[in-house]
Amino acid sequence: MTRSLELPEAVCALLDGTRLDVKVGTVVQLAVSDDAGWPRVAAISVGELFAVSATRLLLTLYTRSRTSAALEG
C-alpha cells in the first residue's frame, strides 16, 4: 500500500523556490541508508530542494555522492 505524506504549509513555503535571498543559510538535512545499512547524510540548501507540491519534492545532489548512490540503490 502506498501512503502519501503531505508537507506542512510552512515547509512548502520555505521550499517554494521564491525569495531565496532571504533564505540563504537555511539547510535541510537528508539522511538515507545505503545497501549495507550505513547512514548517508547530505546538507541541502533551500536552492537545491524544491517543493513542487505538498506531496512532491525535486532534489539536486552531486551525481557521485554516496547519498545519491544510496538513493539509487
N, C-alpha and C. Protein backbone atom coordinates (compact mmCIF):
# COMPACT_ATOMS: atom_id res chain seq x y z
N MET A 1 0.84 -1.18 0.00
CA MET A 1 0.00 0.00 0.00
C MET A 1 0.89 1.24 0.00
N THR A 2 0.62 2.17 -0.88
CA THR A 2 1.35 3.42 -0.95
C THR A 2 0.66 4.45 -0.09
N ARG A 3 1.46 5.13 0.71
CA ARG A 3 0.92 6.15 1.60
C ARG A 3 1.54 7.48 1.23
N SER A 4 0.76 8.48 1.03
CA SER A 4 1.25 9.80 0.65
C SER A 4 1.26 10.70 1.88
N LEU A 5 2.42 11.26 2.16
CA LEU A 5 2.56 12.21 3.25
C LEU A 5 2.57 13.62 2.69
N GLU A 6 2.01 14.56 3.40
CA GLU A 6 1.99 15.94 2.94
C GLU A 6 2.88 16.82 3.80
N LEU A 7 3.62 17.69 3.15
CA LEU A 7 4.44 18.67 3.86
C LEU A 7 3.55 19.75 4.46
N PRO A 8 3.91 20.22 5.63
CA PRO A 8 3.15 21.35 6.20
C PRO A 8 3.28 22.57 5.30
N GLU A 9 2.30 23.44 5.35
CA GLU A 9 2.28 24.64 4.51
C GLU A 9 3.53 25.50 4.69
N ALA A 10 4.03 25.62 5.93
CA ALA A 10 5.22 26.42 6.20
C ALA A 10 6.46 25.84 5.51
N VAL A 11 6.55 24.51 5.45
CA VAL A 11 7.67 23.86 4.78
C VAL A 11 7.56 24.07 3.27
N CYS A 12 6.36 23.95 2.73
CA CYS A 12 6.15 24.21 1.30
C CYS A 12 6.56 25.64 0.96
N ALA A 13 6.22 26.60 1.81
CA ALA A 13 6.59 27.99 1.57
C ALA A 13 8.11 28.17 1.62
N LEU A 14 8.77 27.48 2.53
CA LEU A 14 10.23 27.56 2.64
C LEU A 14 10.90 27.00 1.39
N LEU A 15 10.32 25.96 0.81
CA LEU A 15 10.94 25.27 -0.32
C LEU A 15 10.26 25.57 -1.65
N ASP A 16 9.58 26.72 -1.75
CA ASP A 16 8.83 27.03 -2.97
C ASP A 16 9.67 27.69 -4.07
N GLY A 17 10.95 27.90 -3.81
CA GLY A 17 11.83 28.47 -4.83
C GLY A 17 11.81 29.98 -4.93
N THR A 18 11.03 30.63 -4.10
CA THR A 18 10.95 32.10 -4.14
C THR A 18 11.77 32.71 -3.00
N ARG A 19 12.13 33.95 -3.17
CA ARG A 19 12.83 34.75 -2.15
C ARG A 19 14.03 34.01 -1.55
N LEU A 20 14.80 33.37 -2.40
CA LEU A 20 15.97 32.63 -1.93
C LEU A 20 16.99 33.54 -1.25
N ASP A 21 16.96 34.83 -1.60
CA ASP A 21 17.90 35.77 -0.99
C ASP A 21 17.70 35.89 0.52
N VAL A 22 16.48 35.73 1.00
CA VAL A 22 16.23 35.81 2.45
C VAL A 22 16.32 34.45 3.13
N LYS A 23 16.48 33.41 2.33
CA LYS A 23 16.56 32.05 2.87
C LYS A 23 18.00 31.52 2.86
N VAL A 24 18.95 32.39 2.50
CA VAL A 24 20.36 32.00 2.48
C VAL A 24 20.77 31.50 3.87
N GLY A 25 21.47 30.39 3.90
CA GLY A 25 21.92 29.82 5.17
C GLY A 25 20.97 28.78 5.74
N THR A 26 19.79 28.66 5.16
CA THR A 26 18.84 27.64 5.61
C THR A 26 19.21 26.32 4.98
N VAL A 27 19.34 25.29 5.79
CA VAL A 27 19.78 23.98 5.31
C VAL A 27 18.79 22.92 5.77
N VAL A 28 18.53 21.97 4.87
CA VAL A 28 17.69 20.81 5.18
C VAL A 28 18.62 19.60 5.20
N GLN A 29 18.47 18.77 6.18
CA GLN A 29 19.33 17.58 6.28
C GLN A 29 18.58 16.38 5.73
N LEU A 30 19.24 15.70 4.77
CA LEU A 30 18.69 14.48 4.19
C LEU A 30 19.50 13.31 4.71
N ALA A 31 18.83 12.33 5.27
CA ALA A 31 19.51 11.13 5.79
C ALA A 31 18.89 9.89 5.15
N VAL A 32 19.75 9.07 4.57
CA VAL A 32 19.33 7.80 3.96
C VAL A 32 20.32 6.73 4.41
N SER A 33 19.98 5.48 4.18
CA SER A 33 20.94 4.42 4.48
C SER A 33 21.29 3.69 3.18
N ASP A 34 22.55 3.27 3.10
CA ASP A 34 22.99 2.56 1.89
C ASP A 34 22.64 1.08 2.00
N ASP A 35 23.03 0.30 1.00
CA ASP A 35 22.69 -1.12 0.98
C ASP A 35 23.25 -1.90 2.16
N ALA A 36 24.36 -1.39 2.72
CA ALA A 36 24.99 -2.06 3.87
C ALA A 36 24.42 -1.55 5.20
N GLY A 37 23.50 -0.62 5.13
CA GLY A 37 22.88 -0.08 6.34
C GLY A 37 23.58 1.13 6.93
N TRP A 38 24.65 1.61 6.26
CA TRP A 38 25.37 2.77 6.76
C TRP A 38 24.60 4.06 6.44
N PRO A 39 24.57 4.99 7.39
CA PRO A 39 23.86 6.24 7.13
C PRO A 39 24.64 7.12 6.15
N ARG A 40 23.92 7.79 5.29
CA ARG A 40 24.49 8.77 4.36
C ARG A 40 23.70 10.04 4.56
N VAL A 41 24.41 11.10 4.90
CA VAL A 41 23.76 12.36 5.25
C VAL A 41 24.23 13.45 4.29
N ALA A 42 23.30 14.27 3.85
CA ALA A 42 23.63 15.40 2.99
C ALA A 42 22.96 16.65 3.55
N ALA A 43 23.70 17.75 3.56
CA ALA A 43 23.14 19.06 3.92
C ALA A 43 22.75 19.74 2.62
N ILE A 44 21.48 20.07 2.48
CA ILE A 44 20.95 20.59 1.24
C ILE A 44 20.38 21.98 1.48
N SER A 45 20.79 22.93 0.65
CA SER A 45 20.27 24.30 0.79
C SER A 45 18.88 24.38 0.18
N VAL A 46 18.14 25.42 0.54
CA VAL A 46 16.78 25.56 0.02
C VAL A 46 16.78 25.79 -1.49
N GLY A 47 17.91 26.17 -2.07
CA GLY A 47 18.01 26.31 -3.51
C GLY A 47 18.18 24.99 -4.23
N GLU A 48 18.47 23.93 -3.49
CA GLU A 48 18.66 22.60 -4.07
C GLU A 48 17.47 21.67 -3.84
N LEU A 49 16.49 22.17 -3.13
CA LEU A 49 15.31 21.38 -2.80
C LEU A 49 14.08 22.22 -3.11
N PHE A 50 13.21 21.71 -3.97
CA PHE A 50 12.06 22.48 -4.44
C PHE A 50 10.78 21.69 -4.20
N ALA A 51 9.85 22.30 -3.49
CA ALA A 51 8.55 21.67 -3.24
C ALA A 51 7.63 22.01 -4.41
N VAL A 52 7.43 21.04 -5.29
CA VAL A 52 6.51 21.22 -6.41
C VAL A 52 5.09 21.31 -5.87
N SER A 53 4.82 20.51 -4.85
CA SER A 53 3.52 20.49 -4.18
C SER A 53 3.75 19.98 -2.76
N ALA A 54 2.68 19.81 -2.02
CA ALA A 54 2.80 19.31 -0.64
C ALA A 54 3.19 17.83 -0.60
N THR A 55 3.13 17.16 -1.75
CA THR A 55 3.46 15.73 -1.80
C THR A 55 4.60 15.39 -2.76
N ARG A 56 5.19 16.41 -3.39
CA ARG A 56 6.25 16.13 -4.37
C ARG A 56 7.41 17.10 -4.22
N LEU A 57 8.64 16.54 -4.08
CA LEU A 57 9.86 17.33 -3.95
C LEU A 57 10.80 17.03 -5.11
N LEU A 58 11.51 18.05 -5.56
CA LEU A 58 12.61 17.88 -6.50
C LEU A 58 13.89 18.17 -5.74
N LEU A 59 14.91 17.35 -5.96
CA LEU A 59 16.14 17.41 -5.19
C LEU A 59 17.34 17.39 -6.11
N THR A 60 18.32 18.21 -5.82
CA THR A 60 19.57 18.23 -6.57
C THR A 60 20.68 17.71 -5.69
N LEU A 61 21.38 16.67 -6.17
CA LEU A 61 22.52 16.10 -5.45
C LEU A 61 23.68 15.92 -6.41
N TYR A 62 24.88 15.85 -5.89
CA TYR A 62 26.03 15.51 -6.72
C TYR A 62 25.89 14.08 -7.19
N THR A 63 26.12 13.85 -8.46
CA THR A 63 25.95 12.53 -9.07
C THR A 63 26.77 11.46 -8.37
N ARG A 64 28.00 11.79 -8.00
CA ARG A 64 28.91 10.79 -7.43
C ARG A 64 28.86 10.71 -5.90
N SER A 65 27.93 11.39 -5.28
CA SER A 65 27.89 11.35 -3.82
C SER A 65 27.37 10.01 -3.32
N ARG A 66 27.76 9.67 -2.12
CA ARG A 66 27.27 8.42 -1.51
C ARG A 66 25.78 8.49 -1.22
N THR A 67 25.29 9.69 -0.96
CA THR A 67 23.85 9.86 -0.75
C THR A 67 23.11 9.54 -2.02
N SER A 68 23.59 10.03 -3.18
CA SER A 68 22.96 9.71 -4.46
C SER A 68 22.97 8.21 -4.72
N ALA A 69 24.10 7.59 -4.45
CA ALA A 69 24.24 6.14 -4.67
C ALA A 69 23.25 5.38 -3.78
N ALA A 70 23.09 5.82 -2.54
CA ALA A 70 22.16 5.15 -1.63
C ALA A 70 20.72 5.31 -2.09
N LEU A 71 20.38 6.46 -2.64
CA LEU A 71 19.02 6.67 -3.13
C LEU A 71 18.73 5.84 -4.37
N GLU A 72 19.75 5.66 -5.21
CA GLU A 72 19.59 4.87 -6.43
C GLU A 72 19.54 3.37 -6.13
N GLY A 73 20.26 2.97 -5.06
CA GLY A 73 20.41 1.55 -4.73
C GLY A 73 19.15 0.89 -4.45
